[in-house]
Amino acid sequence: MFSKMLDAMQSMVERLPRVAPPIRKSNPDSYADTPFTDEITLIEMPRKFSFPSIKAYDGTRDPDDHVAQYRQRMLAVALRKESCEATMCKGFS
C-alpha cells in the first residue's frame, strides 16, 4: 500500500514543470550500477597499465592537495589525450 502511494507521489512530482527528476538510488548489490557516466564506465584501460601508487585520503589534510597530487602523478603517465580525464576518474575511485 505504502509503495503504491510513494509511486503515485513520485509520478506527480515528475510531472511538475521545471522540477528536476528525482535521483534514483543505486543498488549497492549490483555490479552494473556505477556513479560514473558511460564515457567513464566504458573507457578501455590501456594494456599493462597500472595506476601510480598514492596513499588513500585519510581526511586529515587538504582534499584539494590530495587531488592535485593524484592529478600530477597521473599526468606523468602516458595516456591518450581523448581518454585522459576518464582514465583519471576511473582510477581515482
N, C-alpha and C. Protein backbone atom coordinates (compact mmCIF):
# COMPACT_ATOMS: atom_id res chain seq x y z
N MET A 1 0.83 -1.19 0.00
CA MET A 1 0.00 0.00 0.00
C MET A 1 0.88 1.26 0.00
N PHE A 2 1.85 1.29 0.92
CA PHE A 2 2.73 2.45 1.01
C PHE A 2 3.53 2.63 -0.28
N SER A 3 3.97 1.52 -0.85
CA SER A 3 4.75 1.57 -2.09
C SER A 3 3.95 2.21 -3.22
N LYS A 4 2.67 1.86 -3.32
CA LYS A 4 1.82 2.44 -4.37
C LYS A 4 1.65 3.94 -4.16
N MET A 5 1.47 4.35 -2.90
CA MET A 5 1.31 5.78 -2.60
C MET A 5 2.59 6.54 -2.95
N LEU A 6 3.72 5.95 -2.62
CA LEU A 6 5.00 6.58 -2.92
C LEU A 6 5.20 6.71 -4.42
N ASP A 7 4.87 5.66 -5.16
CA ASP A 7 4.98 5.70 -6.62
C ASP A 7 4.07 6.77 -7.21
N ALA A 8 2.85 6.90 -6.67
CA ALA A 8 1.91 7.91 -7.16
C ALA A 8 2.43 9.31 -6.89
N MET A 9 2.98 9.52 -5.71
CA MET A 9 3.54 10.84 -5.37
C MET A 9 4.74 11.16 -6.26
N GLN A 10 5.57 10.18 -6.50
CA GLN A 10 6.74 10.39 -7.34
C GLN A 10 6.31 10.74 -8.76
N SER A 11 5.27 10.08 -9.24
CA SER A 11 4.75 10.37 -10.57
C SER A 11 4.25 11.81 -10.66
N MET A 12 3.58 12.28 -9.61
CA MET A 12 3.09 13.66 -9.59
C MET A 12 4.25 14.65 -9.60
N VAL A 13 5.27 14.38 -8.83
CA VAL A 13 6.43 15.27 -8.77
C VAL A 13 7.11 15.35 -10.13
N GLU A 14 7.22 14.23 -10.81
CA GLU A 14 7.89 14.20 -12.12
C GLU A 14 7.13 15.01 -13.17
N ARG A 15 5.84 15.20 -12.96
CA ARG A 15 5.04 15.96 -13.93
C ARG A 15 5.06 17.45 -13.67
N LEU A 16 5.60 17.90 -12.54
CA LEU A 16 5.65 19.32 -12.24
C LEU A 16 6.60 20.02 -13.20
N PRO A 17 6.20 21.19 -13.71
CA PRO A 17 7.10 21.91 -14.63
C PRO A 17 8.32 22.45 -13.89
N ARG A 18 9.44 22.45 -14.59
CA ARG A 18 10.72 22.98 -14.10
C ARG A 18 11.22 22.31 -12.83
N VAL A 19 10.87 21.07 -12.63
CA VAL A 19 11.37 20.32 -11.48
C VAL A 19 12.27 19.21 -12.02
N ALA A 20 13.47 19.17 -11.51
CA ALA A 20 14.42 18.14 -11.94
C ALA A 20 13.90 16.77 -11.52
N PRO A 21 14.11 15.76 -12.35
CA PRO A 21 13.67 14.41 -11.96
C PRO A 21 14.45 13.95 -10.74
N PRO A 22 13.80 13.17 -9.88
CA PRO A 22 14.49 12.69 -8.68
C PRO A 22 15.66 11.78 -9.04
N ILE A 23 16.67 11.82 -8.21
CA ILE A 23 17.83 10.96 -8.41
C ILE A 23 17.52 9.60 -7.82
N ARG A 24 17.61 8.60 -8.63
CA ARG A 24 17.30 7.24 -8.18
C ARG A 24 18.50 6.70 -7.40
N LYS A 25 18.23 6.03 -6.33
CA LYS A 25 19.29 5.42 -5.54
C LYS A 25 19.79 4.18 -6.27
N SER A 26 21.10 3.97 -6.21
CA SER A 26 21.66 2.80 -6.86
C SER A 26 21.52 1.59 -5.95
N ASN A 27 21.60 0.45 -6.55
CA ASN A 27 21.51 -0.81 -5.82
C ASN A 27 22.93 -1.20 -5.41
N PRO A 28 23.24 -1.18 -4.10
CA PRO A 28 24.61 -1.48 -3.68
C PRO A 28 25.07 -2.90 -3.97
N ASP A 29 24.13 -3.80 -4.26
CA ASP A 29 24.48 -5.19 -4.55
C ASP A 29 24.74 -5.43 -6.03
N SER A 30 24.55 -4.41 -6.85
CA SER A 30 24.68 -4.58 -8.29
C SER A 30 26.06 -4.16 -8.76
N TYR A 31 26.69 -5.03 -9.54
CA TYR A 31 27.98 -4.68 -10.12
C TYR A 31 27.81 -3.74 -11.31
N ALA A 32 26.61 -3.71 -11.88
CA ALA A 32 26.37 -2.88 -13.05
C ALA A 32 26.12 -1.43 -12.66
N ASP A 33 25.61 -1.18 -11.45
CA ASP A 33 25.38 0.19 -11.01
C ASP A 33 26.71 0.88 -10.80
N THR A 34 26.81 2.08 -11.30
CA THR A 34 28.04 2.84 -11.16
C THR A 34 27.70 4.32 -11.09
N PRO A 35 28.44 5.09 -10.33
CA PRO A 35 28.20 6.53 -10.29
C PRO A 35 28.77 7.25 -11.51
N PHE A 36 29.50 6.52 -12.35
CA PHE A 36 30.15 7.14 -13.50
C PHE A 36 29.23 7.25 -14.70
N THR A 37 29.51 8.24 -15.54
CA THR A 37 28.82 8.34 -16.82
C THR A 37 29.33 7.23 -17.72
N ASP A 38 28.62 6.98 -18.81
CA ASP A 38 29.05 5.95 -19.76
C ASP A 38 30.44 6.24 -20.30
N GLU A 39 30.76 7.52 -20.49
CA GLU A 39 32.07 7.90 -21.02
C GLU A 39 33.20 7.37 -20.14
N ILE A 40 32.98 7.38 -18.83
CA ILE A 40 33.99 6.89 -17.90
C ILE A 40 33.90 5.38 -17.74
N THR A 41 32.70 4.88 -17.59
CA THR A 41 32.50 3.45 -17.37
C THR A 41 33.03 2.62 -18.53
N LEU A 42 32.80 3.08 -19.75
CA LEU A 42 33.14 2.29 -20.93
C LEU A 42 34.56 2.53 -21.45
N ILE A 43 35.31 3.37 -20.77
CA ILE A 43 36.68 3.64 -21.23
C ILE A 43 37.51 2.36 -21.17
N GLU A 44 38.24 2.12 -22.21
CA GLU A 44 39.09 0.93 -22.26
C GLU A 44 40.45 1.30 -21.69
N MET A 45 40.82 0.63 -20.63
CA MET A 45 42.09 0.93 -19.99
C MET A 45 43.24 0.40 -20.85
N PRO A 46 44.33 1.16 -20.93
CA PRO A 46 45.48 0.69 -21.71
C PRO A 46 46.02 -0.63 -21.15
N ARG A 47 46.50 -1.47 -22.04
CA ARG A 47 47.08 -2.75 -21.60
C ARG A 47 48.31 -2.48 -20.74
N LYS A 48 48.52 -3.34 -19.79
CA LYS A 48 49.67 -3.25 -18.87
C LYS A 48 49.72 -1.92 -18.13
N PHE A 49 48.59 -1.29 -17.98
CA PHE A 49 48.54 -0.01 -17.27
C PHE A 49 48.36 -0.25 -15.79
N SER A 50 49.14 0.44 -14.99
CA SER A 50 48.93 0.38 -13.54
C SER A 50 48.90 1.81 -13.02
N PHE A 51 47.97 2.06 -12.13
CA PHE A 51 47.83 3.39 -11.58
C PHE A 51 48.99 3.69 -10.65
N PRO A 52 49.45 4.93 -10.64
CA PRO A 52 50.52 5.30 -9.72
C PRO A 52 50.06 5.08 -8.28
N SER A 53 50.98 4.66 -7.44
CA SER A 53 50.59 4.43 -6.04
C SER A 53 50.48 5.77 -5.32
N ILE A 54 49.42 5.91 -4.59
CA ILE A 54 49.18 7.11 -3.80
C ILE A 54 48.39 6.67 -2.57
N LYS A 55 48.75 7.23 -1.44
CA LYS A 55 48.05 6.86 -0.22
C LYS A 55 46.59 7.31 -0.30
N ALA A 56 45.71 6.51 0.27
CA ALA A 56 44.29 6.87 0.32
C ALA A 56 44.12 8.11 1.18
N TYR A 57 43.17 8.93 0.80
CA TYR A 57 42.89 10.15 1.56
C TYR A 57 42.39 9.77 2.94
N ASP A 58 43.01 10.34 3.98
CA ASP A 58 42.64 9.97 5.35
C ASP A 58 41.79 11.01 6.07
N GLY A 59 41.49 12.11 5.39
CA GLY A 59 40.61 13.13 5.97
C GLY A 59 41.30 14.13 6.87
N THR A 60 42.61 14.02 7.05
CA THR A 60 43.31 14.93 7.97
C THR A 60 43.97 16.11 7.26
N ARG A 61 44.10 16.03 5.95
CA ARG A 61 44.78 17.10 5.21
C ARG A 61 43.81 17.73 4.21
N ASP A 62 44.32 18.68 3.47
CA ASP A 62 43.51 19.39 2.48
C ASP A 62 43.16 18.45 1.33
N PRO A 63 41.86 18.23 1.07
CA PRO A 63 41.48 17.32 -0.02
C PRO A 63 41.92 17.83 -1.39
N ASP A 64 41.99 19.15 -1.56
CA ASP A 64 42.46 19.70 -2.84
C ASP A 64 43.91 19.32 -3.10
N ASP A 65 44.72 19.31 -2.05
CA ASP A 65 46.12 18.88 -2.20
C ASP A 65 46.20 17.41 -2.61
N HIS A 66 45.34 16.60 -2.03
CA HIS A 66 45.33 15.17 -2.35
C HIS A 66 44.98 14.95 -3.83
N VAL A 67 43.94 15.65 -4.29
CA VAL A 67 43.53 15.53 -5.69
C VAL A 67 44.64 16.06 -6.60
N ALA A 68 45.26 17.17 -6.23
CA ALA A 68 46.34 17.74 -7.05
C ALA A 68 47.51 16.78 -7.15
N GLN A 69 47.84 16.12 -6.06
CA GLN A 69 48.94 15.14 -6.07
C GLN A 69 48.60 13.97 -7.00
N TYR A 70 47.37 13.47 -6.91
CA TYR A 70 46.94 12.38 -7.79
C TYR A 70 47.01 12.82 -9.25
N ARG A 71 46.51 14.01 -9.51
CA ARG A 71 46.48 14.53 -10.88
C ARG A 71 47.90 14.65 -11.45
N GLN A 72 48.83 15.16 -10.66
CA GLN A 72 50.22 15.29 -11.10
C GLN A 72 50.82 13.93 -11.45
N ARG A 73 50.56 12.94 -10.62
CA ARG A 73 51.10 11.60 -10.88
C ARG A 73 50.47 10.99 -12.13
N MET A 74 49.18 11.23 -12.32
CA MET A 74 48.51 10.67 -13.50
C MET A 74 48.96 11.37 -14.77
N LEU A 75 49.25 12.66 -14.69
CA LEU A 75 49.71 13.37 -15.88
C LEU A 75 51.10 12.94 -16.30
N ALA A 76 51.85 12.34 -15.40
CA ALA A 76 53.18 11.83 -15.72
C ALA A 76 53.11 10.50 -16.47
N VAL A 77 51.95 9.86 -16.46
CA VAL A 77 51.75 8.59 -17.16
C VAL A 77 51.32 8.89 -18.59
N ALA A 78 51.84 8.15 -19.53
CA ALA A 78 51.49 8.36 -20.94
C ALA A 78 50.09 7.83 -21.21
N LEU A 79 49.13 8.73 -21.37
CA LEU A 79 47.75 8.37 -21.69
C LEU A 79 47.32 9.11 -22.95
N ARG A 80 46.40 8.49 -23.69
CA ARG A 80 45.86 9.17 -24.87
C ARG A 80 45.09 10.40 -24.41
N LYS A 81 45.24 11.50 -25.12
CA LYS A 81 44.61 12.77 -24.73
C LYS A 81 43.10 12.63 -24.60
N GLU A 82 42.46 11.92 -25.51
CA GLU A 82 40.99 11.81 -25.50
C GLU A 82 40.46 10.95 -24.36
N SER A 83 41.30 10.16 -23.74
CA SER A 83 40.83 9.30 -22.65
C SER A 83 41.46 9.64 -21.30
N CYS A 84 42.26 10.67 -21.26
CA CYS A 84 43.00 11.01 -20.04
C CYS A 84 42.07 11.30 -18.86
N GLU A 85 41.09 12.19 -19.03
CA GLU A 85 40.20 12.57 -17.93
C GLU A 85 39.39 11.37 -17.44
N ALA A 86 38.85 10.59 -18.38
CA ALA A 86 38.05 9.43 -17.99
C ALA A 86 38.89 8.40 -17.24
N THR A 87 40.12 8.20 -17.69
CA THR A 87 41.01 7.26 -17.02
C THR A 87 41.35 7.74 -15.62
N MET A 88 41.58 9.04 -15.48
CA MET A 88 41.88 9.58 -14.15
C MET A 88 40.68 9.41 -13.21
N CYS A 89 39.49 9.65 -13.71
CA CYS A 89 38.29 9.46 -12.88
C CYS A 89 38.14 8.01 -12.44
N LYS A 90 38.33 7.11 -13.39
CA LYS A 90 38.18 5.69 -13.08
C LYS A 90 39.23 5.24 -12.06
N GLY A 91 40.42 5.74 -12.19
CA GLY A 91 41.49 5.36 -11.28
C GLY A 91 41.35 5.95 -9.90
N PHE A 92 40.72 7.09 -9.80
CA PHE A 92 40.59 7.76 -8.51
C PHE A 92 39.59 7.05 -7.61
N SER A 93 38.68 6.33 -8.22
CA SER A 93 37.65 5.64 -7.42
C SER A 93 38.28 4.49 -6.70
